[in-house]
Amino acid sequence: MGKTEARALSDALFHRLAELAPGTHAYSYVRGTIIELNMALVRFVAGRYRHRCEDMEDIVQAGTIGLIKAVDGYDCERGVEFATYAIPTISGELKRFFRDTSWRIRVPRSMQELYFMVVHGSDRLEQEFGRPPTPQEVAEALGLTPEQVTAGLVAGQLHRSTSLDALREDGSEEIGSAILDRIGECDERLELVVSREAVRPLLRELRPRERTILLLRFWGDRTQAEIAEQIGVSQMQVSRLLAATLSQLRERLEAPATNGG
């Protein structure tokens, strides 16, 4: 079906819809048909935002909500074409969608609106003064307090996040290094500190040969064959002594927790 035929059918269905009682099966069917016939309007408006980072499927979904609102609010008796009425409604819904989802960190709607008010007011004053206005000047022009202006600007910092690959440009010695290079990471060895401190006194109580086997195996990174050759026993004996010693240490480490429970 071409655009002309779809528009003519849509107009006829709007007149039919006006005669039906909301909530009836016939009303829902005609309403749904009108929405389907006019999905091209959603795709047309959504196409303007194809270069944004949001997924196009999400953009079309938000535009469809605007189309539904347009269908429900349209009055065919006013003589205005539906497309003329629907496109601004769809565009408004998409702008609301971008406003609510483009913030990298969720902030209250009131703070978002305050940010946009401060930014637009600041831009207007900068054109008027020929220089960036002070927070006090922006506050006076907008009827706000300097604290509100500052809060709006701080909220604006959450509107865009900095890439971890962004280079440092603050004039420090680390200029040119990426943010990712300066972020610390968890040291997995820290988790072993408590265990090492707990087992340290138990190691001192072991017999010399048992302690030597543990030291060579876990601190010296020796194989059981190498340990057996060094201390003059068979590899089987090393394996048994190692297993028995570890079992003994494990039992002694877990004993306080078991008794305390």
C-alpha atoms as a PDB file:
ATOM      1  CA  MET A   1       0.000   0.000   0.000  1.00  0.00           C
ATOM      2  CA  GLY A   2       1.371   3.411  -0.990  1.00  0.00           C
ATOM      3  CA  LYS A   3       1.535   6.500   1.180  1.00  0.00           C
ATOM      4  CA  THR A   4      -1.529   8.076  -0.446  1.00  0.00           C
ATOM      5  CA  GLU A   5      -3.665   4.969   0.019  1.00  0.00           C
ATOM      6  CA  ALA A   6      -2.459   4.515   3.595  1.00  0.00           C
ATOM      7  CA  ARG A   7      -3.286   8.135   4.415  1.00  0.00           C
ATOM      8  CA  ALA A   8      -6.754   7.878   2.890  1.00  0.00           C
ATOM      9  CA  LEU A   9      -7.502   4.637   4.736  1.00  0.00           C
ATOM     10  CA  SER A  10      -6.145   6.105   7.971  1.00  0.00           C
ATOM     11  CA  ASP A  11      -8.437   9.146   7.647  1.00  0.00           C
ATOM     12  CA  ALA A  12     -11.440   6.897   7.034  1.00  0.00           C
ATOM     13  CA  LEU A  13     -10.570   4.771  10.046  1.00  0.00           C
ATOM     14  CA  PHE A  14     -10.253   7.847  12.279  1.00  0.00           C
ATOM     15  CA  HIS A  15     -13.811   8.818  11.385  1.00  0.00           C
ATOM     16  CA  ARG A  16     -14.907   5.264  12.100  1.00  0.00           C
ATOM     17  CA  LEU A  17     -13.013   5.287  15.413  1.00  0.00           C
ATOM     18  CA  ALA A  18     -14.850   8.435  16.497  1.00  0.00           C
ATOM     19  CA  GLU A  19     -18.151   6.548  16.177  1.00  0.00           C
ATOM     20  CA  LEU A  20     -17.089   3.600  18.325  1.00  0.00           C
ATOM     21  CA  ALA A  21     -17.180   3.270  22.094  1.00  0.00           C
ATOM     22  CA  PRO A  22     -13.732   3.045  23.734  1.00  0.00           C
ATOM     23  CA  GLY A  23     -13.024  -0.340  25.270  1.00  0.00           C
ATOM     24  CA  THR A  24     -14.989  -2.324  22.737  1.00  0.00           C
ATOM     25  CA  HIS A  25     -13.414  -4.952  20.512  1.00  0.00           C
ATOM     26  CA  ALA A  26     -14.224  -2.951  17.382  1.00  0.00           C
ATOM     27  CA  TYR A  27     -12.613   0.179  18.852  1.00  0.00           C
ATOM     28  CA  SER A  28      -9.409  -1.705  19.765  1.00  0.00           C
ATOM     29  CA  TYR A  29      -9.232  -3.285  16.313  1.00  0.00           C
ATOM     30  CA  VAL A  30      -9.647   0.001  14.429  1.00  0.00           C
ATOM     31  CA  ARG A  31      -7.227   1.786  16.761  1.00  0.00           C
ATOM     32  CA  GLY A  32      -4.605  -0.939  16.276  1.00  0.00           C
ATOM     33  CA  THR A  33      -5.017  -0.800  12.516  1.00  0.00           C
ATOM     34  CA  ILE A  34      -4.451   2.971  12.502  1.00  0.00           C
ATOM     35  CA  ILE A  35      -1.277   2.530  14.544  1.00  0.00           C
ATOM     36  CA  GLU A  36       0.037  -0.083  12.123  1.00  0.00           C
ATOM     37  CA  LEU A  37      -0.773   2.106   9.108  1.00  0.00           C
ATOM     38  CA  ASN A  38       1.199   5.011  10.555  1.00  0.00           C
ATOM     39  CA  MET A  39       4.323   3.226  11.772  1.00  0.00           C
ATOM     40  CA  ALA A  40       6.116   4.805   8.812  1.00  0.00           C
ATOM     41  CA  LEU A  41       5.866   8.136  10.680  1.00  0.00           C
ATOM     42  CA  VAL A  42       7.754   6.584  13.613  1.00  0.00           C
ATOM     43  CA  ARG A  43      10.479   5.225  11.363  1.00  0.00           C
ATOM     44  CA  PHE A  44      10.732   8.600   9.610  1.00  0.00           C
ATOM     45  CA  VAL A  45      11.235  10.533  12.850  1.00  0.00           C
ATOM     46  CA  ALA A  46      13.472   7.844  14.368  1.00  0.00           C
ATOM     47  CA  GLY A  47      15.703   7.989  11.285  1.00  0.00           C
ATOM     48  CA  ARG A  48      16.836  11.453  12.332  1.00  0.00           C
ATOM     49  CA  TYR A  49      18.553   9.875  15.337  1.00  0.00           C
ATOM     50  CA  ARG A  50      20.211   6.928  13.600  1.00  0.00           C
ATOM     51  CA  HIS A  51      23.674   8.235  14.492  1.00  0.00           C
ATOM     52  CA  ARG A  52      23.025   8.215  18.234  1.00  0.00           C
ATOM     53  CA  CYS A  53      24.524   5.520  20.448  1.00  0.00           C
ATOM     54  CA  GLU A  54      21.111   4.222  21.558  1.00  0.00           C
ATOM     55  CA  ASP A  55      19.841   1.093  19.847  1.00  0.00           C
ATOM     56  CA  MET A  56      17.509   1.891  16.939  1.00  0.00           C
ATOM     57  CA  GLU A  57      15.030  -0.711  18.170  1.00  0.00           C
ATOM     58  CA  ASP A  58      14.722   1.176  21.461  1.00  0.00           C
ATOM     59  CA  ILE A  59      14.314   4.481  19.604  1.00  0.00           C
ATOM     60  CA  VAL A  60      11.511   3.053  17.444  1.00  0.00           C
ATOM     61  CA  GLN A  61       9.840   1.620  20.539  1.00  0.00           C
ATOM     62  CA  ALA A  62       9.880   5.032  22.223  1.00  0.00           C
ATOM     63  CA  GLY A  63       8.580   6.640  19.015  1.00  0.00           C
ATOM     64  CA  THR A  64       5.752   4.107  18.886  1.00  0.00           C
ATOM     65  CA  ILE A  65       4.611   5.296  22.307  1.00  0.00           C
ATOM     66  CA  GLY A  66       4.453   8.800  20.862  1.00  0.00           C
ATOM     67  CA  LEU A  67       2.434   7.511  17.896  1.00  0.00           C
ATOM     68  CA  ILE A  68      -0.045   5.815  20.240  1.00  0.00           C
ATOM     69  CA  LYS A  69      -0.453   9.053  22.194  1.00  0.00           C
ATOM     70  CA  ALA A  70      -1.012  10.896  18.913  1.00  0.00           C
ATOM     71  CA  VAL A  71      -3.687   8.428  17.805  1.00  0.00           C
ATOM     72  CA  ASP A  72      -5.488   8.741  21.130  1.00  0.00           C
ATOM     73  CA  GLY A  73      -5.313  12.542  21.117  1.00  0.00           C
ATOM     74  CA  TYR A  74      -6.128  13.240  17.469  1.00  0.00           C
ATOM     75  CA  ASP A  75      -9.430  14.887  16.556  1.00  0.00           C
ATOM     76  CA  CYS A  76     -10.272  14.261  12.921  1.00  0.00           C
ATOM     77  CA  GLU A  77     -12.946  16.987  12.986  1.00  0.00           C
ATOM     78  CA  ARG A  78     -10.391  19.792  13.315  1.00  0.00           C
ATOM     79  CA  GLY A  79      -9.238  19.501   9.723  1.00  0.00           C
ATOM     80  CA  VAL A  80      -5.561  18.976  10.543  1.00  0.00           C
ATOM     81  CA  GLU A  81      -3.779  16.103   8.834  1.00  0.00           C
ATOM     82  CA  PHE A  82      -2.823  13.334  11.218  1.00  0.00           C
ATOM     83  CA  ALA A  83       0.868  13.402  10.156  1.00  0.00           C
ATOM     84  CA  THR A  84       1.042  17.124  10.987  1.00  0.00           C
ATOM     85  CA  TYR A  85      -0.285  16.370  14.464  1.00  0.00           C
ATOM     86  CA  ALA A  86       1.599  13.125  15.044  1.00  0.00           C
ATOM     87  CA  ILE A  87       5.168  14.045  14.070  1.00  0.00           C
ATOM     88  CA  PRO A  88       5.642  16.652  16.855  1.00  0.00           C
ATOM     89  CA  THR A  89       4.114  14.219  19.346  1.00  0.00           C
ATOM     90  CA  ILE A  90       6.476  11.438  18.281  1.00  0.00           C
ATOM     91  CA  SER A  91       9.445  13.824  18.329  1.00  0.00           C
ATOM     92  CA  GLY A  92       8.533  14.975  21.834  1.00  0.00           C
ATOM     93  CA  GLU A  93       8.395  11.407  23.083  1.00  0.00           C
ATOM     94  CA  LEU A  94      11.816  10.670  21.580  1.00  0.00           C
ATOM     95  CA  LYS A  95      13.316  13.787  23.156  1.00  0.00           C
ATOM     96  CA  ARG A  96      11.915  12.660  26.504  1.00  0.00           C
ATOM     97  CA  PHE A  97      13.423   9.213  25.918  1.00  0.00           C
ATOM     98  CA  PHE A  98      16.879  10.654  25.172  1.00  0.00           C
ATOM     99  CA  ARG A  99      16.691  12.986  28.140  1.00  0.00           C
ATOM    100  CA  ASP A 100      15.871  10.138  30.493  1.00  0.00           C
ATOM    101  CA  THR A 101      18.336   7.589  29.123  1.00  0.00           C
ATOM    102  CA  SER A 102      21.372   9.572  27.950  1.00  0.00           C
ATOM    103  CA  TRP A 103      22.540  10.311  31.503  1.00  0.00           C
ATOM    104  CA  ARG A 104      25.314   7.887  32.395  1.00  0.00           C
ATOM    105  CA  ILE A 105      24.293   8.055  36.058  1.00  0.00           C
ATOM    106  CA  ARG A 106      20.618   8.326  36.958  1.00  0.00           C
ATOM    107  CA  VAL A 107      19.728  11.650  38.542  1.00  0.00           C
ATOM    108  CA  PRO A 108      16.293  13.014  39.543  1.00  0.00           C
ATOM    109  CA  ARG A 109      14.252  14.661  36.798  1.00  0.00           C
ATOM    110  CA  SER A 110      14.254  17.943  38.729  1.00  0.00           C
ATOM    111  CA  MET A 111      18.069  18.010  38.676  1.00  0.00           C
ATOM    112  CA  GLN A 112      18.138  17.256  34.955  1.00  0.00           C
ATOM    113  CA  GLU A 113      15.752  20.138  34.286  1.00  0.00           C
ATOM    114  CA  LEU A 114      17.807  22.406  36.553  1.00  0.00           C
ATOM    115  CA  TYR A 115      20.938  21.516  34.605  1.00  0.00           C
ATOM    116  CA  PHE A 116      19.352  22.339  31.242  1.00  0.00           C
ATOM    117  CA  MET A 117      17.950  25.596  32.630  1.00  0.00           C
ATOM    118  CA  VAL A 118      21.377  26.651  33.924  1.00  0.00           C
ATOM    119  CA  VAL A 119      23.177  25.663  30.698  1.00  0.00           C
ATOM    120  CA  HIS A 120      20.734  27.476  28.435  1.00  0.00           C
ATOM    121  CA  GLY A 121      20.735  30.532  30.681  1.00  0.00           C
ATOM    122  CA  SER A 122      24.522  30.546  30.825  1.00  0.00           C
ATOM    123  CA  ASP A 123      24.799  30.302  27.031  1.00  0.00           C
ATOM    124  CA  ARG A 124      22.406  33.212  26.595  1.00  0.00           C
ATOM    125  CA  LEU A 125      24.334  35.379  29.050  1.00  0.00           C
ATOM    126  CA  GLU A 126      27.665  34.491  27.466  1.00  0.00           C
ATOM    127  CA  GLN A 127      26.400  35.758  24.118  1.00  0.00           C
ATOM    128  CA  GLU A 128      25.161  38.906  25.811  1.00  0.00           C
ATOM    129  CA  PHE A 129      28.303  39.598  27.884  1.00  0.00           C
ATOM    130  CA  GLY A 130      30.896  38.307  25.462  1.00  0.00           C
ATOM    131  CA  ARG A 131      32.387  36.203  28.265  1.00  0.00           C
ATOM    132  CA  PRO A 132      31.355  33.269  30.471  1.00  0.00           C
ATOM    133  CA  PRO A 133      28.973  34.512  33.207  1.00  0.00           C
ATOM    134  CA  THR A 134      29.620  33.910  36.883  1.00  0.00           C
ATOM    135  CA  PRO A 135      27.323  31.616  38.878  1.00  0.00           C
ATOM    136  CA  GLN A 136      25.988  34.719  40.664  1.00  0.00           C
ATOM    137  CA  GLU A 137      25.044  36.342  37.341  1.00  0.00           C
ATOM    138  CA  VAL A 138      23.358  33.169  36.119  1.00  0.00           C
ATOM    139  CA  ALA A 139      21.464  32.878  39.401  1.00  0.00           C
ATOM    140  CA  GLU A 140      20.198  36.462  39.197  1.00  0.00           C
ATOM    141  CA  ALA A 141      19.104  36.042  35.571  1.00  0.00           C
ATOM    142  CA  LEU A 142      17.199  32.810  36.248  1.00  0.00           C
ATOM    143  CA  GLY A 143      15.813  33.695  39.667  1.00  0.00           C
ATOM    144  CA  LEU A 144      17.841  30.968  41.347  1.00  0.00           C
ATOM    145  CA  THR A 145      20.335  30.896  44.186  1.00  0.00           C
ATOM    146  CA  PRO A 146      24.052  30.465  43.456  1.00  0.00           C
ATOM    147  CA  GLU A 147      23.832  27.130  45.256  1.00  0.00           C
ATOM    148  CA  GLN A 148      21.152  25.932  42.834  1.00  0.00           C
ATOM    149  CA  VAL A 149      23.260  26.996  39.868  1.00  0.00           C
ATOM    150  CA  THR A 150      26.233  25.091  41.255  1.00  0.00           C
ATOM    151  CA  ALA A 151      24.072  22.027  41.908  1.00  0.00           C
ATOM    152  CA  GLY A 152      22.822  22.138  38.315  1.00  0.00           C
ATOM    153  CA  LEU A 153      26.354  22.312  36.939  1.00  0.00           C
ATOM    154  CA  VAL A 154      27.474  19.438  39.151  1.00  0.00           C
ATOM    155  CA  ALA A 155      24.522  17.355  37.954  1.00  0.00           C
ATOM    156  CA  GLY A 156      25.587  18.111  34.392  1.00  0.00           C
ATOM    157  CA  GLN A 157      28.899  16.372  34.994  1.00  0.00           C
ATOM    158  CA  LEU A 158      26.925  13.116  35.215  1.00  0.00           C
ATOM    159  CA  HIS A 159      25.426  13.664  31.764  1.00  0.00           C
ATOM    160  CA  ARG A 160      28.547  12.426  30.031  1.00  0.00           C
ATOM    161  CA  SER A 161      31.069   9.957  31.353  1.00  0.00           C
ATOM    162  CA  THR A 162      34.753   9.992  30.456  1.00  0.00           C
ATOM    163  CA  SER A 163      36.159   7.010  28.618  1.00  0.00           C
ATOM    164  CA  LEU A 164      38.690   4.946  30.544  1.00  0.00           C
ATOM    165  CA  ASP A 165      40.919   5.275  27.482  1.00  0.00           C
ATOM    166  CA  ALA A 166      40.808   9.081  27.619  1.00  0.00           C
ATOM    167  CA  LEU A 167      44.215  10.731  28.027  1.00  0.00           C
ATOM    168  CA  ARG A 168      45.042  12.966  30.959  1.00  0.00           C
ATOM    169  CA  GLU A 169      45.237  16.640  30.031  1.00  0.00           C
ATOM    170  CA  ASP A 170      45.640  18.466  33.332  1.00  0.00           C
ATOM    171  CA  GLY A 171      49.278  19.446  32.893  1.00  0.00           C
ATOM    172  CA  SER A 172      50.597  16.919  35.402  1.00  0.00           C
ATOM    173  CA  GLU A 173      53.575  14.664  34.934  1.00  0.00           C
ATOM    174  CA  GLU A 174      51.246  11.878  33.930  1.00  0.00           C
ATOM    175  CA  ILE A 175      49.907  13.774  30.923  1.00  0.00           C
ATOM    176  CA  GLY A 176      49.131  11.449  28.057  1.00  0.00           C
ATOM    177  CA  SER A 177      48.448   8.447  30.279  1.00  0.00           C
ATOM    178  CA  ALA A 178      45.011   6.860  30.090  1.00  0.00           C
ATOM    179  CA  ILE A 179      42.629   6.952  33.041  1.00  0.00           C
ATOM    180  CA  LEU A 180      42.580   3.157  33.001  1.00  0.00           C
ATOM    181  CA  ASP A 181      46.329   3.147  33.711  1.00  0.00           C
ATOM    182  CA  ARG A 182      45.778   5.079  36.934  1.00  0.00           C
ATOM    183  CA  ILE A 183      42.941   3.015  38.392  1.00  0.00           C
ATOM    184  CA  GLY A 184      43.961   0.620  41.116  1.00  0.00           C
ATOM    185  CA  GLU A 185      42.933  -2.987  41.173  1.00  0.00           C
ATOM    186  CA  CYS A 186      42.320  -5.558  43.847  1.00  0.00           C
ATOM    187  CA  ASP A 187      45.434  -7.403  44.974  1.00  0.00           C
ATOM    188  CA  GLU A 188      44.416 -11.037  45.206  1.00  0.00           C
ATOM    189  CA  ARG A 189      47.349 -11.667  47.539  1.00  0.00           C
ATOM    190  CA  LEU A 190      45.668  -9.549  50.218  1.00  0.00           C
ATOM    191  CA  GLU A 191      43.153 -12.326  50.728  1.00  0.00           C
ATOM    192  CA  LEU A 192      46.030 -14.609  51.736  1.00  0.00           C
ATOM    193  CA  VAL A 193      47.362 -12.292  54.457  1.00  0.00           C
ATOM    194  CA  VAL A 194      44.983 -13.534  57.168  1.00  0.00           C
ATOM    195  CA  SER A 195      45.598 -17.159  56.269  1.00  0.00           C
ATOM    196  CA  ARG A 196      49.367 -16.705  56.261  1.00  0.00           C
ATOM    197  CA  GLU A 197      49.369 -14.982  59.629  1.00  0.00           C
ATOM    198  CA  ALA A 198      47.140 -17.671  61.079  1.00  0.00           C
ATOM    199  CA  VAL A 199      49.312 -20.523  59.843  1.00  0.00           C
ATOM    200  CA  ARG A 200      52.650 -18.909  60.717  1.00  0.00           C
ATOM    201  CA  PRO A 201      52.737 -20.053  64.418  1.00  0.00           C
ATOM    202  CA  LEU A 202      51.526 -23.510  63.382  1.00  0.00           C
ATOM    203  CA  LEU A 203      54.439 -23.873  60.987  1.00  0.00           C
ATOM    204  CA  ARG A 204      56.899 -23.139  63.790  1.00  0.00           C
ATOM    205  CA  GLU A 205      55.450 -26.050  65.775  1.00  0.00           C
ATOM    206  CA  LEU A 206      56.038 -28.586  63.008  1.00  0.00           C
ATOM    207  CA  ARG A 207      58.928 -30.991  63.077  1.00  0.00           C
ATOM    208  CA  PRO A 208      61.935 -29.838  61.010  1.00  0.00           C
ATOM    209  CA  ARG A 209      61.434 -32.384  58.213  1.00  0.00           C
ATOM    210  CA  GLU A 210      57.718 -31.543  57.786  1.00  0.00           C
ATOM    211  CA  ARG A 211      58.452 -27.831  57.816  1.00  0.00           C
ATOM    212  CA  THR A 212      61.222 -28.293  55.239  1.00  0.00           C
ATOM    213  CA  ILE A 213      58.917 -30.214  52.915  1.00  0.00           C
ATOM    214  CA  LEU A 214      56.305 -27.434  53.062  1.00  0.00           C
ATOM    215  CA  LEU A 215      58.871 -24.712  52.498  1.00  0.00           C
ATOM    216  CA  LEU A 216      60.400 -26.486  49.516  1.00  0.00           C
ATOM    217  CA  ARG A 217      57.027 -27.321  47.973  1.00  0.00           C
ATOM    218  CA  PHE A 218      55.162 -24.025  48.375  1.00  0.00           C
ATOM    219  CA  TRP A 219      57.916 -21.427  48.785  1.00  0.00           C
ATOM    220  CA  GLY A 220      60.629 -23.116  46.762  1.00  0.00           C
ATOM    221  CA  ASP A 221      58.221 -24.368  44.073  1.00  0.00           C
ATOM    222  CA  ARG A 222      59.972 -27.758  44.028  1.00  0.00           C
ATOM    223  CA  THR A 223      58.405 -30.959  42.738  1.00  0.00           C
ATOM    224  CA  GLN A 224      57.911 -33.921  45.049  1.00  0.00           C
ATOM    225  CA  ALA A 225      60.670 -35.777  43.212  1.00  0.00           C
ATOM    226  CA  GLU A 226      63.100 -32.905  43.758  1.00  0.00           C
ATOM    227  CA  ILE A 227      62.165 -32.696  47.444  1.00  0.00           C
ATOM    228  CA  ALA A 228      62.639 -36.455  47.873  1.00  0.00           C
ATOM    229  CA  GLU A 229      66.088 -36.282  46.347  1.00  0.00           C
ATOM    230  CA  GLN A 230      67.108 -33.325  48.495  1.00  0.00           C
ATOM    231  CA  ILE A 231      66.021 -34.734  51.883  1.00  0.00           C
ATOM    232  CA  GLY A 232      66.922 -38.359  51.089  1.00  0.00           C
ATOM    233  CA  VAL A 233      63.524 -40.093  51.120  1.00  0.00           C
ATOM    234  CA  SER A 234      61.277 -41.620  48.490  1.00  0.00           C
ATOM    235  CA  GLN A 235      58.784 -39.561  46.518  1.00  0.00           C
ATOM    236  CA  MET A 236      55.981 -41.650  48.026  1.00  0.00           C
ATOM    237  CA  GLN A 237      57.108 -40.667  51.528  1.00  0.00           C
ATOM    238  CA  VAL A 238      57.166 -37.000  50.521  1.00  0.00           C
ATOM    239  CA  SER A 239      53.628 -37.306  49.167  1.00  0.00           C
ATOM    240  CA  ARG A 240      52.346 -38.949  52.380  1.00  0.00           C
ATOM    241  CA  LEU A 241      54.121 -36.481  54.671  1.00  0.00           C
ATOM    242  CA  LEU A 242      52.854 -33.531  52.640  1.00  0.00           C
ATOM    243  CA  ALA A 243      49.258 -34.762  52.715  1.00  0.00           C
ATOM    244  CA  ALA A 244      49.374 -35.540  56.443  1.00  0.00           C
ATOM    245  CA  THR A 245      50.962 -32.199  57.311  1.00  0.00           C
ATOM    246  CA  LEU A 246      48.450 -30.204  55.280  1.00  0.00           C
ATOM    247  CA  SER A 247      45.557 -32.122  56.819  1.00  0.00           C
ATOM    248  CA  GLN A 248      46.937 -31.432  60.299  1.00  0.00           C
ATOM    249  CA  LEU A 249      47.306 -27.699  59.583  1.00  0.00           C
ATOM    250  CA  ARG A 250      43.818 -27.493  58.112  1.00  0.00           C
ATOM    251  CA  GLU A 251      42.271 -29.149  61.158  1.00  0.00           C
ATOM    252  CA  ARG A 252      44.090 -26.819  63.538  1.00  0.00           C
ATOM    253  CA  LEU A 253      43.088 -23.746  61.518  1.00  0.00           C
ATOM    254  CA  GLU A 254      39.434 -24.735  61.469  1.00  0.00           C
ATOM    255  CA  ALA A 255      39.299 -25.883  65.093  1.00  0.00           C
ATOM    256  CA  PRO A 256      38.703 -22.403  66.666  1.00  0.00           C
ATOM    257  CA  ALA A 257      35.863 -21.622  64.296  1.00  0.00           C
ATOM    258  CA  THR A 258      34.288 -25.028  64.940  1.00  0.00           C
ATOM    259  CA  ASN A 259      34.580 -24.686  68.692  1.00  0.00           C
ATOM    260  CA  GLY A 260      33.254 -21.140  68.568  1.00  0.00           C
ATOM    261  CA  GLY A 261      30.145 -22.293  66.663  1.00  0.00           C
END
